[in-house]
Amino acid sequence: MTIRELAARIGAEIIQGEFEDVNLRGAYASDLLSDVLAHAAEGDALLTVQAHKNTVAVAAAKHLPLIIIANSQPVPPDMEDAARARGIALLRTGKNQFTLSGELYELFRREAGKNREN
């Protein structure tokens, strides 16, 4: 599933849209950036409420192509600028992290099932 496909499926707003629309491998949910550094996998989407440019730096260090901001958190211009400079997509949704984590889990589980069938 690509970034734009995921955005459409979860009804998220694209905040920073200058990115390569790559296939995502999965997702990782955390608000503790050191936890993201330790455990997120390359190619994952990051789900968080941490809407600041340090989140972008962590995503770039881990080669995460997408940050999804939950709870309609405002995205400051410096975060958007940092994401644009690194080609990282930024989405925002009003859903809370629990709900969104469940949705993402199901979407990626279904995608994996489709890939096994093909």
Protein backbone atom coordinates (compact mmCIF):
# COMPACT_ATOMS: atom_id res chain seq x y z
CA MET A 1 0.00 0.00 0.00
CA THR A 2 1.39 3.39 -0.96
CA ILE A 3 1.35 6.52 1.19
CA ARG A 4 -1.44 8.12 -0.85
CA GLU A 5 -3.50 4.92 -0.75
CA LEU A 6 -3.13 4.79 3.02
CA ALA A 7 -4.11 8.46 3.35
CA ALA A 8 -7.30 7.82 1.38
CA ARG A 9 -8.17 4.65 3.30
CA ILE A 10 -7.86 6.30 6.72
CA GLY A 11 -9.32 9.63 5.61
CA ALA A 12 -6.22 11.60 6.58
CA GLU A 13 -5.31 15.09 5.46
CA ILE A 14 -2.05 15.39 3.53
CA ILE A 15 -0.14 18.22 5.21
CA GLN A 16 3.16 17.84 3.32
CA GLY A 17 2.63 16.31 -0.10
CA GLU A 18 6.06 16.57 -1.75
CA PHE A 19 7.23 12.97 -1.39
CA GLU A 20 7.83 9.80 -3.34
CA ASP A 21 4.67 7.69 -3.07
CA VAL A 22 6.43 4.54 -1.92
CA ASN A 23 4.95 1.28 -0.70
CA LEU A 24 4.87 1.13 3.08
CA ARG A 25 6.15 -1.95 4.92
CA GLY A 26 4.11 -1.42 8.09
CA ALA A 27 3.62 1.10 10.86
CA TYR A 28 4.99 1.94 14.28
CA ALA A 29 3.11 3.91 16.95
CA SER A 30 4.99 5.79 19.65
CA ASP A 31 5.32 9.23 21.19
CA LEU A 32 8.73 8.51 22.67
CA LEU A 33 11.24 9.37 19.96
CA SER A 34 14.01 7.27 21.54
CA ASP A 35 11.61 4.30 21.30
CA VAL A 36 11.08 5.05 17.59
CA LEU A 37 14.86 5.14 17.08
CA ALA A 38 15.24 1.81 18.84
CA HIS A 39 12.34 -0.12 17.33
CA ALA A 40 10.78 1.32 14.15
CA ALA A 41 11.71 -0.48 10.94
CA GLU A 42 12.84 1.15 7.72
CA GLY A 43 9.86 1.76 5.44
CA ASP A 44 7.34 2.02 8.29
CA ALA A 45 4.84 4.81 8.78
CA LEU A 46 5.22 6.55 12.14
CA LEU A 47 2.04 7.24 14.10
CA THR A 48 2.45 9.86 16.83
CA VAL A 49 1.15 13.07 18.41
CA GLN A 50 4.68 14.53 18.49
CA ALA A 51 4.20 17.36 16.00
CA HIS A 52 7.59 19.05 15.89
CA LYS A 53 10.68 19.02 13.70
CA ASN A 54 12.56 16.57 15.96
CA THR A 55 10.04 13.94 14.90
CA VAL A 56 11.08 14.53 11.30
CA ALA A 57 14.76 14.14 12.22
CA VAL A 58 14.02 10.78 13.85
CA ALA A 59 11.94 9.64 10.87
CA ALA A 60 14.77 10.60 8.53
CA ALA A 61 17.35 8.76 10.65
CA LYS A 62 15.22 5.59 10.55
CA HIS A 63 14.24 5.98 6.85
CA LEU A 64 10.54 6.29 7.65
CA PRO A 65 8.78 7.82 4.63
CA LEU A 66 5.63 8.89 6.47
CA ILE A 67 4.61 10.55 9.73
CA ILE A 68 0.94 10.43 10.70
CA ILE A 69 -0.07 12.99 13.32
CA ALA A 70 -3.05 11.86 15.42
CA ASN A 71 -5.63 13.83 17.42
CA SER A 72 -5.66 16.73 14.93
CA GLN A 73 -2.50 18.14 16.48
CA PRO A 74 -1.40 21.36 14.79
CA VAL A 75 1.67 20.95 12.59
CA PRO A 76 4.10 23.85 12.96
CA PRO A 77 5.60 25.34 9.79
CA ASP A 78 9.15 24.30 10.76
CA MET A 79 8.03 20.65 10.95
CA GLU A 80 6.38 20.89 7.56
CA ASP A 81 9.49 22.56 6.10
CA ALA A 82 11.78 19.89 7.58
CA ALA A 83 9.59 17.10 6.19
CA ARG A 84 9.51 18.72 2.75
CA ALA A 85 13.31 19.11 2.74
CA ARG A 86 13.69 15.38 3.52
CA GLY A 87 10.85 14.16 1.27
CA ILE A 88 8.89 12.74 4.22
CA ALA A 89 5.11 12.74 3.88
CA LEU A 90 3.06 14.28 6.69
CA LEU A 91 -0.54 13.25 7.27
CA ARG A 92 -2.93 14.39 9.97
CA THR A 93 -6.08 12.79 11.30
CA GLY A 94 -8.56 13.56 14.04
CA LYS A 95 -8.55 9.94 15.14
CA ASN A 96 -6.82 9.01 18.37
CA GLN A 97 -3.79 6.73 18.36
CA PHE A 98 -5.65 3.68 19.66
CA THR A 99 -8.27 3.81 16.92
CA LEU A 100 -5.75 4.60 14.22
CA SER A 101 -3.36 1.86 15.37
CA GLY A 102 -6.19 -0.66 15.03
CA GLU A 103 -7.10 0.58 11.57
CA LEU A 104 -3.50 0.46 10.40
CA TYR A 105 -3.02 -3.02 11.84
CA GLU A 106 -6.03 -4.29 9.91
CA LEU A 107 -5.03 -2.54 6.68
CA PHE A 108 -1.51 -3.97 6.73
CA ARG A 109 -2.77 -7.42 7.77
CA ARG A 110 -5.17 -7.45 4.81
CA GLU A 111 -2.44 -6.22 2.45
CA ALA A 112 -0.13 -9.01 3.61
CA GLY A 113 -2.91 -11.54 2.99
CA LYS A 114 -3.45 -10.22 -0.54
CA ASN A 115 0.27 -10.42 -1.26
CA ARG A 116 0.40 -14.06 -0.09
CA GLU A 117 -2.51 -14.94 -2.41
CA ASN A 118 -0.77 -13.46 -5.48
